[in-house]
N, C-alpha and C. Protein backbone atom coordinates (compact mmCIF):
# COMPACT_ATOMS: atom_id res chain seq x y z
N MET A 1 0.85 -1.18 0.02
CA MET A 1 -0.01 0.00 0.00
C MET A 1 0.89 1.25 -0.01
N HIS A 2 0.52 2.20 -0.76
CA HIS A 2 1.32 3.42 -0.98
C HIS A 2 0.39 4.59 -0.70
N VAL A 3 0.53 5.29 0.42
CA VAL A 3 -0.38 6.36 0.73
C VAL A 3 0.34 7.69 0.56
N MET A 4 -0.44 8.69 0.28
CA MET A 4 0.10 10.09 0.21
C MET A 4 -0.55 10.83 1.41
N VAL A 5 0.28 11.58 2.09
CA VAL A 5 -0.17 12.36 3.23
C VAL A 5 0.08 13.82 2.88
N ASN A 6 -0.97 14.61 2.94
CA ASN A 6 -0.86 16.04 2.67
C ASN A 6 -1.31 16.78 3.91
N ALA A 7 -0.49 17.64 4.41
CA ALA A 7 -0.89 18.56 5.54
C ALA A 7 -1.23 19.88 4.93
N GLU A 8 -2.46 20.24 5.07
CA GLU A 8 -2.93 21.51 4.50
C GLU A 8 -2.95 22.57 5.56
N THR A 9 -1.85 23.33 5.58
CA THR A 9 -1.65 24.30 6.67
C THR A 9 -1.30 25.67 6.10
N GLY A 10 -0.89 25.69 4.82
CA GLY A 10 -0.42 26.92 4.30
C GLY A 10 1.02 27.19 4.66
N ARG A 11 1.65 26.31 5.43
CA ARG A 11 3.02 26.49 5.88
C ARG A 11 3.83 25.26 5.61
N ASP A 12 4.91 25.44 4.88
CA ASP A 12 5.81 24.33 4.46
C ASP A 12 6.38 23.62 5.68
N ASP A 13 6.69 24.33 6.76
CA ASP A 13 7.36 23.77 7.90
C ASP A 13 6.45 22.77 8.62
N GLN A 14 5.14 22.92 8.48
CA GLN A 14 4.23 21.98 9.17
C GLN A 14 4.38 20.58 8.59
N LEU A 15 4.49 20.44 7.27
CA LEU A 15 4.64 19.14 6.64
C LEU A 15 6.00 18.54 7.01
N ARG A 16 7.01 19.39 7.07
CA ARG A 16 8.34 18.92 7.52
C ARG A 16 8.32 18.39 8.98
N ASP A 17 7.54 19.07 9.78
CA ASP A 17 7.39 18.65 11.15
C ASP A 17 6.70 17.31 11.26
N LEU A 18 5.62 17.14 10.47
CA LEU A 18 4.94 15.80 10.45
C LEU A 18 5.86 14.75 9.94
N TYR A 19 6.66 15.07 8.95
CA TYR A 19 7.70 14.13 8.45
C TYR A 19 8.61 13.69 9.57
N ALA A 20 9.11 14.60 10.38
CA ALA A 20 9.96 14.29 11.50
C ALA A 20 9.28 13.34 12.49
N TRP A 21 7.98 13.62 12.79
CA TRP A 21 7.25 12.78 13.68
C TRP A 21 7.12 11.36 13.14
N LEU A 22 6.76 11.23 11.84
CA LEU A 22 6.66 9.90 11.23
C LEU A 22 8.01 9.18 11.25
N GLN A 23 9.09 9.89 11.02
CA GLN A 23 10.41 9.22 11.02
C GLN A 23 10.82 8.71 12.39
N GLU A 24 10.21 9.26 13.43
CA GLU A 24 10.57 8.75 14.80
C GLU A 24 9.89 7.42 15.08
N GLU A 25 8.91 7.06 14.37
CA GLU A 25 8.17 5.77 14.62
C GLU A 25 8.97 4.65 13.99
N THR A 26 9.35 3.65 14.82
CA THR A 26 10.16 2.54 14.38
C THR A 26 9.61 1.85 13.14
N ASP A 27 8.26 1.58 13.11
CA ASP A 27 7.63 0.91 12.01
C ASP A 27 7.72 1.65 10.69
N LEU A 28 7.98 2.93 10.78
CA LEU A 28 7.92 3.79 9.58
C LEU A 28 9.28 4.29 9.06
N ARG A 29 10.31 4.00 9.82
CA ARG A 29 11.68 4.47 9.36
C ARG A 29 12.00 3.90 8.02
N GLY A 30 12.43 4.78 7.12
CA GLY A 30 12.77 4.38 5.79
C GLY A 30 11.62 4.23 4.85
N ARG A 31 10.38 4.45 5.31
CA ARG A 31 9.19 4.28 4.53
C ARG A 31 8.52 5.58 4.17
N VAL A 32 9.04 6.69 4.69
CA VAL A 32 8.44 7.97 4.53
C VAL A 32 9.38 8.82 3.61
N VAL A 33 8.82 9.34 2.55
CA VAL A 33 9.57 10.15 1.58
C VAL A 33 8.90 11.49 1.44
N MET A 34 9.67 12.55 1.55
CA MET A 34 9.15 13.90 1.35
C MET A 34 9.16 14.21 -0.14
N GLU A 35 8.01 14.59 -0.67
CA GLU A 35 7.89 14.92 -2.09
C GLU A 35 8.04 16.42 -2.19
N GLU A 36 9.05 16.88 -2.97
CA GLU A 36 9.27 18.30 -3.11
C GLU A 36 9.27 18.69 -4.59
N ARG A 37 9.00 19.98 -4.79
CA ARG A 37 9.05 20.49 -6.14
C ARG A 37 9.99 21.73 -6.11
N PRO A 38 10.47 22.15 -7.24
CA PRO A 38 11.39 23.28 -7.31
C PRO A 38 10.72 24.53 -6.69
N PRO A 39 11.51 25.42 -6.19
CA PRO A 39 10.93 26.66 -5.58
C PRO A 39 10.27 27.57 -6.62
N ASP A 40 9.31 28.31 -6.14
CA ASP A 40 8.70 29.30 -7.05
C ASP A 40 9.76 30.37 -7.35
N PRO A 41 9.68 31.01 -8.50
CA PRO A 41 10.65 32.06 -8.85
C PRO A 41 10.79 33.08 -7.72
N GLY A 42 12.02 33.42 -7.36
CA GLY A 42 12.26 34.41 -6.36
C GLY A 42 12.16 33.97 -4.93
N THR A 43 11.92 32.66 -4.69
CA THR A 43 11.85 32.08 -3.37
C THR A 43 12.95 31.10 -3.13
N PRO A 44 13.52 31.00 -1.94
CA PRO A 44 14.57 30.07 -1.68
C PRO A 44 14.09 28.65 -1.40
N GLY A 45 14.87 27.65 -1.74
CA GLY A 45 14.62 26.26 -1.39
C GLY A 45 13.39 25.64 -2.03
N PRO A 46 13.41 24.26 -2.00
CA PRO A 46 12.31 23.48 -2.56
C PRO A 46 11.00 23.70 -1.75
N VAL A 47 9.87 23.37 -2.37
CA VAL A 47 8.61 23.47 -1.73
C VAL A 47 8.10 22.04 -1.44
N THR A 48 7.77 21.78 -0.20
CA THR A 48 7.27 20.43 0.16
C THR A 48 5.82 20.30 -0.31
N GLY A 49 5.53 19.28 -1.06
CA GLY A 49 4.21 19.05 -1.59
C GLY A 49 3.38 18.06 -0.79
N ALA A 50 4.01 16.93 -0.40
CA ALA A 50 3.35 15.85 0.28
C ALA A 50 4.29 14.87 0.82
N LEU A 51 3.83 13.96 1.61
CA LEU A 51 4.67 12.85 2.10
C LEU A 51 4.18 11.62 1.47
N GLN A 52 5.02 10.72 1.04
CA GLN A 52 4.68 9.43 0.55
C GLN A 52 5.05 8.41 1.61
N VAL A 53 4.16 7.51 1.94
CA VAL A 53 4.43 6.49 2.92
C VAL A 53 4.13 5.08 2.28
N LEU A 54 5.15 4.24 2.31
CA LEU A 54 5.02 2.89 1.79
C LEU A 54 4.66 1.99 2.96
N LEU A 55 3.48 1.41 2.94
CA LEU A 55 2.99 0.55 4.05
C LEU A 55 2.84 -0.88 3.56
N GLU A 56 3.48 -1.76 4.24
CA GLU A 56 3.34 -3.18 3.88
C GLU A 56 2.56 -3.99 4.87
N SER A 57 2.21 -3.42 5.97
CA SER A 57 1.51 -4.17 7.00
C SER A 57 0.47 -3.29 7.69
N GLY A 58 -0.46 -3.98 8.31
CA GLY A 58 -1.51 -3.26 9.09
C GLY A 58 -0.88 -2.50 10.25
N GLY A 59 0.22 -3.04 10.81
CA GLY A 59 0.88 -2.39 11.91
C GLY A 59 1.44 -1.04 11.53
N ALA A 60 1.99 -0.96 10.32
CA ALA A 60 2.55 0.31 9.82
C ALA A 60 1.42 1.30 9.56
N LEU A 61 0.30 0.81 9.08
CA LEU A 61 -0.88 1.66 8.86
C LEU A 61 -1.37 2.21 10.18
N ALA A 62 -1.48 1.36 11.20
CA ALA A 62 -1.94 1.79 12.50
C ALA A 62 -0.93 2.83 13.08
N SER A 63 0.34 2.59 12.88
CA SER A 63 1.36 3.55 13.36
C SER A 63 1.24 4.89 12.69
N THR A 64 1.08 4.82 11.37
CA THR A 64 0.92 6.11 10.60
C THR A 64 -0.31 6.84 11.09
N SER A 65 -1.42 6.17 11.25
CA SER A 65 -2.64 6.82 11.71
C SER A 65 -2.46 7.39 13.11
N ALA A 66 -1.90 6.64 14.01
CA ALA A 66 -1.70 7.14 15.38
C ALA A 66 -0.74 8.37 15.39
N VAL A 67 0.31 8.37 14.61
CA VAL A 67 1.21 9.51 14.59
C VAL A 67 0.54 10.73 13.99
N VAL A 68 -0.20 10.57 12.93
CA VAL A 68 -0.87 11.71 12.34
C VAL A 68 -1.87 12.34 13.33
N VAL A 69 -2.65 11.50 14.00
CA VAL A 69 -3.66 12.02 14.96
C VAL A 69 -2.94 12.70 16.11
N ALA A 70 -1.90 12.06 16.62
CA ALA A 70 -1.14 12.65 17.74
C ALA A 70 -0.49 13.99 17.35
N TRP A 71 0.04 14.04 16.13
CA TRP A 71 0.64 15.29 15.63
C TRP A 71 -0.40 16.37 15.51
N LEU A 72 -1.59 16.00 14.98
CA LEU A 72 -2.68 16.99 14.85
C LEU A 72 -3.09 17.55 16.19
N ARG A 73 -3.07 16.69 17.20
CA ARG A 73 -3.44 17.12 18.56
C ARG A 73 -2.54 18.22 19.13
N THR A 74 -1.33 18.32 18.58
CA THR A 74 -0.37 19.33 19.08
C THR A 74 -0.49 20.64 18.29
N ARG A 75 -1.24 20.65 17.25
CA ARG A 75 -1.35 21.84 16.38
C ARG A 75 -2.38 22.84 16.87
N THR A 76 -2.14 24.06 16.58
CA THR A 76 -3.14 25.11 16.83
C THR A 76 -3.54 25.73 15.49
N GLY A 77 -4.69 26.29 15.45
CA GLY A 77 -5.14 26.89 14.23
C GLY A 77 -5.70 25.87 13.26
N GLU A 78 -5.89 26.31 12.00
CA GLU A 78 -6.45 25.47 10.98
C GLU A 78 -5.41 24.57 10.34
N VAL A 79 -5.41 23.31 10.70
CA VAL A 79 -4.52 22.32 10.13
C VAL A 79 -5.31 21.08 9.82
N SER A 80 -5.17 20.56 8.64
CA SER A 80 -5.80 19.29 8.28
C SER A 80 -4.82 18.42 7.54
N VAL A 81 -5.03 17.09 7.74
CA VAL A 81 -4.19 16.16 7.02
C VAL A 81 -5.07 15.27 6.18
N ARG A 82 -4.78 15.16 4.91
CA ARG A 82 -5.50 14.28 3.96
C ARG A 82 -4.61 13.09 3.68
N ILE A 83 -5.18 11.91 3.84
CA ILE A 83 -4.46 10.66 3.54
C ILE A 83 -5.18 10.03 2.35
N VAL A 84 -4.42 9.67 1.32
CA VAL A 84 -5.02 9.19 0.09
C VAL A 84 -4.29 7.90 -0.36
N ASP A 85 -5.05 6.89 -0.76
CA ASP A 85 -4.52 5.71 -1.38
C ASP A 85 -5.48 5.30 -2.50
N GLY A 86 -5.11 5.54 -3.74
CA GLY A 86 -5.99 5.26 -4.84
C GLY A 86 -7.27 6.08 -4.74
N ASP A 87 -8.38 5.40 -4.70
CA ASP A 87 -9.65 6.09 -4.64
C ASP A 87 -10.18 6.29 -3.25
N LYS A 88 -9.45 5.85 -2.27
CA LYS A 88 -9.83 6.07 -0.91
C LYS A 88 -9.13 7.28 -0.31
N GLU A 89 -9.85 8.06 0.45
CA GLU A 89 -9.27 9.27 1.01
C GLU A 89 -10.00 9.58 2.34
N ILE A 90 -9.24 10.08 3.26
CA ILE A 90 -9.83 10.57 4.55
C ILE A 90 -9.10 11.82 4.93
N GLU A 91 -9.84 12.78 5.48
CA GLU A 91 -9.24 14.03 5.99
C GLU A 91 -9.54 14.16 7.43
N VAL A 92 -8.51 14.51 8.21
CA VAL A 92 -8.63 14.70 9.68
C VAL A 92 -8.15 16.11 9.96
N THR A 93 -8.88 16.86 10.73
CA THR A 93 -8.49 18.27 11.06
C THR A 93 -8.16 18.39 12.53
N ALA A 94 -7.31 19.34 12.79
CA ALA A 94 -6.85 19.59 14.18
C ALA A 94 -7.92 20.20 15.07
N GLY A 95 -8.83 20.93 14.45
CA GLY A 95 -9.87 21.60 15.23
C GLY A 95 -10.59 20.70 16.18
N GLY A 96 -10.43 20.96 17.46
CA GLY A 96 -11.14 20.16 18.48
C GLY A 96 -10.44 18.92 18.93
N LEU A 97 -9.44 18.45 18.22
CA LEU A 97 -8.77 17.22 18.66
C LEU A 97 -8.04 17.39 19.99
N ARG A 98 -7.49 18.52 20.22
CA ARG A 98 -6.75 18.77 21.44
C ARG A 98 -7.57 18.50 22.68
N ASP A 99 -8.85 18.74 22.65
CA ASP A 99 -9.68 18.63 23.79
C ASP A 99 -10.41 17.27 23.96
N LEU A 100 -10.16 16.36 23.03
CA LEU A 100 -10.85 15.04 23.13
C LEU A 100 -10.20 14.15 24.11
N ASP A 101 -11.01 13.27 24.69
CA ASP A 101 -10.47 12.26 25.59
C ASP A 101 -9.82 11.13 24.77
N HIS A 102 -9.10 10.29 25.46
CA HIS A 102 -8.31 9.25 24.76
C HIS A 102 -9.19 8.29 24.01
N ALA A 103 -10.39 7.97 24.51
CA ALA A 103 -11.30 7.04 23.84
C ALA A 103 -11.69 7.59 22.50
N ARG A 104 -11.99 8.87 22.43
CA ARG A 104 -12.47 9.50 21.20
C ARG A 104 -11.29 9.56 20.18
N VAL A 105 -10.08 9.88 20.68
CA VAL A 105 -8.88 9.88 19.84
C VAL A 105 -8.67 8.53 19.23
N ASP A 106 -8.73 7.50 20.05
CA ASP A 106 -8.59 6.11 19.55
C ASP A 106 -9.64 5.79 18.52
N GLU A 107 -10.87 6.31 18.67
CA GLU A 107 -11.95 6.10 17.71
C GLU A 107 -11.58 6.70 16.32
N ILE A 108 -11.04 7.93 16.36
CA ILE A 108 -10.65 8.62 15.14
C ILE A 108 -9.51 7.84 14.44
N THR A 109 -8.53 7.43 15.24
CA THR A 109 -7.43 6.70 14.67
C THR A 109 -7.88 5.38 14.05
N GLU A 110 -8.81 4.69 14.70
CA GLU A 110 -9.32 3.43 14.13
C GLU A 110 -10.13 3.66 12.89
N ARG A 111 -10.83 4.76 12.82
CA ARG A 111 -11.58 5.08 11.60
C ARG A 111 -10.64 5.25 10.40
N VAL A 112 -9.49 5.88 10.61
CA VAL A 112 -8.50 6.05 9.54
C VAL A 112 -7.99 4.66 9.12
N VAL A 113 -7.67 3.83 10.06
CA VAL A 113 -7.19 2.50 9.78
C VAL A 113 -8.19 1.71 8.96
N ARG A 114 -9.44 1.71 9.41
CA ARG A 114 -10.51 0.99 8.70
C ARG A 114 -10.71 1.45 7.28
N THR A 115 -10.60 2.73 7.04
CA THR A 115 -10.75 3.24 5.72
C THR A 115 -9.75 2.63 4.76
N PHE A 116 -8.49 2.53 5.17
CA PHE A 116 -7.49 1.97 4.28
C PHE A 116 -7.32 0.50 4.34
N GLN A 117 -7.79 -0.18 5.38
CA GLN A 117 -7.71 -1.62 5.42
C GLN A 117 -8.67 -2.14 4.33
N ARG A 118 -9.78 -1.49 4.05
CA ARG A 118 -10.67 -1.92 2.99
C ARG A 118 -9.97 -1.85 1.65
N VAL A 119 -9.18 -0.84 1.45
CA VAL A 119 -8.41 -0.71 0.19
C VAL A 119 -7.41 -1.83 0.09
N ASP A 120 -6.74 -2.10 1.18
CA ASP A 120 -5.64 -3.11 1.24
C ASP A 120 -6.21 -4.50 0.99
N SER A 121 -7.41 -4.81 1.53
CA SER A 121 -7.97 -6.13 1.43
C SER A 121 -8.41 -6.44 0.00
N ARG A 122 -8.63 -5.43 -0.85
CA ARG A 122 -9.05 -5.66 -2.18
C ARG A 122 -7.87 -6.07 -3.10
N GLY A 123 -6.64 -5.90 -2.57
CA GLY A 123 -5.52 -6.33 -3.33
C GLY A 123 -4.91 -5.22 -3.99
């Protein structure tokens, strides 16, 4: 399974920060690639477009989901993450996540996992 993770924040550093969080997870080391494009004219450095995550197991999918939700819980303001694999897509936003209890956070994480397990089970 090959998923794309997009953090829609309007700030390039947010996606880089999520990348660092994903790299800290043992199950995901070496499976996360930052997708960059050349800088716009007159601006320094490349622009981060998305993260690609290669997932070979349900455990890696669960890890990715948990890290994304945990990362979103630390954000302030308008931040959303869109996870895409083929025709399946789910978007999770930071708004209100910070104040949720652990049971509700686990529920959201599980919903992300279920969305993509259906894709994976089709082959």
